């Protein structure tokens, strides 16, 4: 399982290699679950840099700081098609 669009941050060659390795590792009838971002209107989905404090975490039940920033690399996106 891959979460939080881990697949989407990989360059096209790395995506292909990952999927090949997953296919080889799966047992017959096995399932691979992952989430991806749609490339539709991707430029509008790039978020500004932000800092947030969360009182409870996803992995641990305590407060933590979230530092977020996103980037759009059109040349990498275009080469995947």
N, C-alpha and C. Protein backbone atom coordinates (compact mmCIF):
# COMPACT_ATOMS: atom_id res chain seq x y z
N UNK A 1 0.85 -1.18 0.00
CA UNK A 1 0.00 0.00 0.00
C UNK A 1 0.89 1.24 0.00
N UNK A 2 0.51 2.21 -0.79
CA UNK A 2 1.18 3.51 -0.79
C UNK A 2 0.10 4.55 -0.50
N UNK A 3 0.41 5.49 0.39
CA UNK A 3 -0.57 6.52 0.74
C UNK A 3 0.00 7.90 0.51
N UNK A 4 -0.90 8.88 0.49
CA UNK A 4 -0.53 10.29 0.35
C UNK A 4 0.23 10.56 -0.94
N UNK A 5 -0.21 9.94 -2.01
CA UNK A 5 0.32 10.16 -3.36
C UNK A 5 1.83 9.95 -3.48
N UNK A 6 2.37 8.98 -2.75
CA UNK A 6 3.80 8.68 -2.88
C UNK A 6 4.18 8.36 -4.32
N UNK A 7 3.30 7.72 -5.06
CA UNK A 7 3.55 7.36 -6.44
C UNK A 7 3.73 8.61 -7.31
N UNK A 8 2.94 9.64 -7.01
CA UNK A 8 2.94 10.84 -7.83
C UNK A 8 4.21 11.65 -7.78
N UNK A 9 5.02 11.48 -6.77
CA UNK A 9 6.25 12.28 -6.68
C UNK A 9 7.41 11.64 -7.43
N UNK A 10 7.21 10.44 -7.93
CA UNK A 10 8.28 9.75 -8.65
C UNK A 10 8.34 10.20 -10.10
N UNK A 11 9.55 10.20 -10.66
CA UNK A 11 9.70 10.50 -12.08
C UNK A 11 9.18 9.28 -12.86
N UNK A 12 8.81 9.47 -14.13
CA UNK A 12 8.21 8.37 -14.90
C UNK A 12 9.01 7.07 -14.89
N UNK A 13 10.32 7.14 -15.00
CA UNK A 13 11.15 5.92 -15.00
C UNK A 13 11.04 5.19 -13.67
N UNK A 14 11.02 5.95 -12.57
CA UNK A 14 10.90 5.34 -11.24
C UNK A 14 9.51 4.73 -11.04
N UNK A 15 8.48 5.36 -11.58
CA UNK A 15 7.13 4.80 -11.50
C UNK A 15 7.07 3.45 -12.20
N UNK A 16 7.64 3.40 -13.39
CA UNK A 16 7.64 2.15 -14.16
C UNK A 16 8.38 1.04 -13.41
N UNK A 17 9.53 1.37 -12.85
CA UNK A 17 10.31 0.39 -12.10
C UNK A 17 9.55 -0.09 -10.86
N UNK A 18 8.92 0.85 -10.14
CA UNK A 18 8.15 0.49 -8.96
C UNK A 18 7.01 -0.46 -9.31
N UNK A 19 6.25 -0.13 -10.35
CA UNK A 19 5.13 -0.98 -10.74
C UNK A 19 5.60 -2.36 -11.18
N UNK A 20 6.73 -2.42 -11.87
CA UNK A 20 7.30 -3.71 -12.26
C UNK A 20 7.66 -4.53 -11.02
N UNK A 21 8.30 -3.90 -10.04
CA UNK A 21 8.68 -4.61 -8.82
C UNK A 21 7.46 -5.06 -8.01
N UNK A 22 6.44 -4.21 -7.97
CA UNK A 22 5.21 -4.59 -7.26
C UNK A 22 4.58 -5.79 -7.95
N UNK A 23 4.49 -5.76 -9.27
CA UNK A 23 3.91 -6.86 -10.03
C UNK A 23 4.66 -8.17 -9.74
N UNK A 24 5.97 -8.10 -9.71
CA UNK A 24 6.79 -9.30 -9.43
C UNK A 24 6.58 -9.80 -8.01
N UNK A 25 6.37 -8.89 -7.05
CA UNK A 25 6.27 -9.27 -5.64
C UNK A 25 4.88 -9.78 -5.24
N UNK A 26 3.86 -9.39 -5.99
CA UNK A 26 2.51 -9.80 -5.62
C UNK A 26 2.31 -11.29 -5.83
N UNK A 27 1.59 -11.90 -4.90
CA UNK A 27 1.18 -13.29 -5.07
C UNK A 27 0.07 -13.32 -6.12
N UNK A 28 -0.15 -14.46 -6.77
CA UNK A 28 -1.25 -14.54 -7.72
C UNK A 28 -2.57 -14.11 -7.08
N UNK A 29 -3.26 -13.20 -7.73
CA UNK A 29 -4.52 -12.68 -7.18
C UNK A 29 -4.33 -11.58 -6.15
N UNK A 30 -3.05 -11.20 -5.88
CA UNK A 30 -2.76 -10.16 -4.90
C UNK A 30 -3.23 -8.80 -5.37
N UNK A 31 -3.34 -7.87 -4.44
CA UNK A 31 -3.83 -6.53 -4.73
C UNK A 31 -2.83 -5.49 -4.26
N UNK A 32 -2.59 -4.51 -5.09
CA UNK A 32 -1.75 -3.37 -4.74
C UNK A 32 -2.65 -2.14 -4.71
N UNK A 33 -2.66 -1.43 -3.59
CA UNK A 33 -3.52 -0.26 -3.43
C UNK A 33 -2.66 0.98 -3.32
N UNK A 34 -2.99 2.00 -4.12
CA UNK A 34 -2.27 3.26 -4.05
C UNK A 34 -3.18 4.38 -4.51
N UNK A 35 -2.85 5.59 -4.11
CA UNK A 35 -3.63 6.74 -4.53
C UNK A 35 -2.77 7.63 -5.41
N UNK A 36 -3.41 8.30 -6.33
CA UNK A 36 -2.71 9.19 -7.24
C UNK A 36 -3.50 10.48 -7.39
N UNK A 37 -2.79 11.52 -7.78
CA UNK A 37 -3.44 12.78 -8.12
C UNK A 37 -3.77 12.78 -9.59
N UNK A 38 -4.86 13.37 -9.94
CA UNK A 38 -5.21 13.54 -11.35
C UNK A 38 -4.37 14.68 -11.92
N UNK A 39 -3.92 14.53 -13.15
CA UNK A 39 -3.18 15.61 -13.81
C UNK A 39 -4.11 16.71 -14.30
N UNK A 40 -5.41 16.51 -14.21
CA UNK A 40 -6.36 17.51 -14.67
C UNK A 40 -6.24 18.75 -13.80
N UNK A 41 -5.95 19.88 -14.41
CA UNK A 41 -5.81 21.17 -13.71
C UNK A 41 -4.77 21.12 -12.59
N UNK A 42 -3.70 20.39 -12.80
CA UNK A 42 -2.68 20.21 -11.75
C UNK A 42 -2.07 21.52 -11.30
N UNK A 43 -1.95 22.49 -12.21
CA UNK A 43 -1.34 23.78 -11.85
C UNK A 43 -2.13 24.48 -10.75
N UNK A 44 -3.44 24.26 -10.70
CA UNK A 44 -4.28 24.91 -9.69
C UNK A 44 -4.23 24.20 -8.35
N UNK A 45 -3.63 23.02 -8.30
CA UNK A 45 -3.59 22.24 -7.07
C UNK A 45 -2.29 22.42 -6.29
N UNK A 46 -1.38 23.19 -6.83
CA UNK A 46 -0.12 23.44 -6.14
C UNK A 46 -0.41 24.40 -4.99
N UNK A 47 -0.07 23.97 -3.78
CA UNK A 47 -0.39 24.75 -2.58
C UNK A 47 0.80 25.60 -2.15
N UNK A 48 0.49 26.68 -1.50
CA UNK A 48 1.53 27.54 -0.92
C UNK A 48 2.19 26.84 0.26
N UNK A 49 3.38 27.28 0.60
CA UNK A 49 4.07 26.75 1.77
C UNK A 49 3.25 27.07 3.01
N UNK A 50 3.11 26.09 3.91
CA UNK A 50 2.32 26.34 5.12
C UNK A 50 2.89 25.57 6.30
N UNK A 51 2.55 26.05 7.48
CA UNK A 51 2.90 25.42 8.74
C UNK A 51 1.61 25.24 9.52
N UNK A 52 1.39 24.08 10.09
CA UNK A 52 0.20 23.82 10.89
C UNK A 52 0.59 23.04 12.14
N UNK A 53 -0.18 23.21 13.18
CA UNK A 53 -0.02 22.39 14.38
C UNK A 53 -1.26 21.53 14.52
N UNK A 54 -1.04 20.22 14.62
CA UNK A 54 -2.13 19.28 14.83
C UNK A 54 -2.06 18.77 16.26
N UNK A 55 -3.19 18.71 16.91
CA UNK A 55 -3.23 18.22 18.29
C UNK A 55 -3.07 16.71 18.39
N UNK A 56 -3.59 15.99 17.41
CA UNK A 56 -3.47 14.53 17.40
C UNK A 56 -2.94 14.10 16.05
N UNK A 57 -2.11 13.10 16.05
CA UNK A 57 -1.50 12.67 14.81
C UNK A 57 -2.17 11.45 14.20
N UNK A 58 -1.80 11.21 12.94
CA UNK A 58 -2.27 10.04 12.22
C UNK A 58 -1.58 8.78 12.76
N UNK A 59 -0.27 8.88 12.99
CA UNK A 59 0.50 7.72 13.44
C UNK A 59 0.66 7.66 14.95
N UNK A 60 0.63 8.81 15.63
CA UNK A 60 0.78 8.84 17.09
C UNK A 60 -0.24 9.80 17.67
N UNK A 61 -0.67 9.52 18.88
CA UNK A 61 -1.69 10.33 19.53
C UNK A 61 -1.05 11.46 20.33
N UNK A 62 -0.37 12.37 19.62
CA UNK A 62 0.22 13.54 20.27
C UNK A 62 0.34 14.66 19.26
N UNK A 63 0.55 15.86 19.74
CA UNK A 63 0.62 17.01 18.85
C UNK A 63 1.90 16.98 18.02
N UNK A 64 1.84 17.62 16.85
CA UNK A 64 3.00 17.67 15.97
C UNK A 64 2.85 18.84 15.01
N UNK A 65 3.95 19.22 14.40
CA UNK A 65 4.00 20.32 13.45
C UNK A 65 4.03 19.75 12.04
N UNK A 66 3.21 20.32 11.16
CA UNK A 66 3.18 19.90 9.76
C UNK A 66 3.73 21.04 8.91
N UNK A 67 4.77 20.76 8.17
CA UNK A 67 5.36 21.72 7.23
C UNK A 67 5.02 21.21 5.83
N UNK A 68 4.32 22.01 5.05
CA UNK A 68 3.88 21.57 3.73
C UNK A 68 4.33 22.54 2.65
N UNK A 69 4.70 21.97 1.51
CA UNK A 69 5.01 22.76 0.34
C UNK A 69 4.87 21.84 -0.87
N UNK A 70 4.36 22.35 -1.96
CA UNK A 70 4.24 21.52 -3.15
C UNK A 70 4.88 22.23 -4.34
N UNK A 71 5.25 21.44 -5.31
CA UNK A 71 5.94 21.94 -6.48
C UNK A 71 5.30 21.32 -7.73
N UNK A 72 5.36 22.04 -8.82
CA UNK A 72 4.88 21.55 -10.11
C UNK A 72 6.02 21.62 -11.10
N UNK A 73 6.37 20.48 -11.67
CA UNK A 73 7.43 20.40 -12.66
C UNK A 73 6.80 20.00 -14.00
N UNK A 74 6.40 20.96 -14.81
CA UNK A 74 5.67 20.62 -16.05
C UNK A 74 6.45 19.75 -17.00
N UNK A 75 7.76 19.88 -17.07
CA UNK A 75 8.54 19.06 -18.00
C UNK A 75 8.49 17.58 -17.63
N UNK A 76 8.49 17.25 -16.34
CA UNK A 76 8.39 15.86 -15.92
C UNK A 76 7.00 15.31 -16.20
N UNK A 77 5.97 16.13 -15.95
CA UNK A 77 4.59 15.69 -16.21
C UNK A 77 4.40 15.43 -17.69
N UNK A 78 4.88 16.34 -18.53
CA UNK A 78 4.71 16.20 -19.96
C UNK A 78 5.44 14.97 -20.51
N UNK A 79 6.59 14.62 -19.93
CA UNK A 79 7.35 13.49 -20.45
C UNK A 79 6.70 12.17 -20.09
N UNK A 80 5.78 12.16 -19.12
CA UNK A 80 5.12 10.92 -18.73
C UNK A 80 4.05 10.54 -19.75
N UNK A 81 3.62 11.47 -20.58
CA UNK A 81 2.55 11.17 -21.54
C UNK A 81 3.07 10.74 -22.87
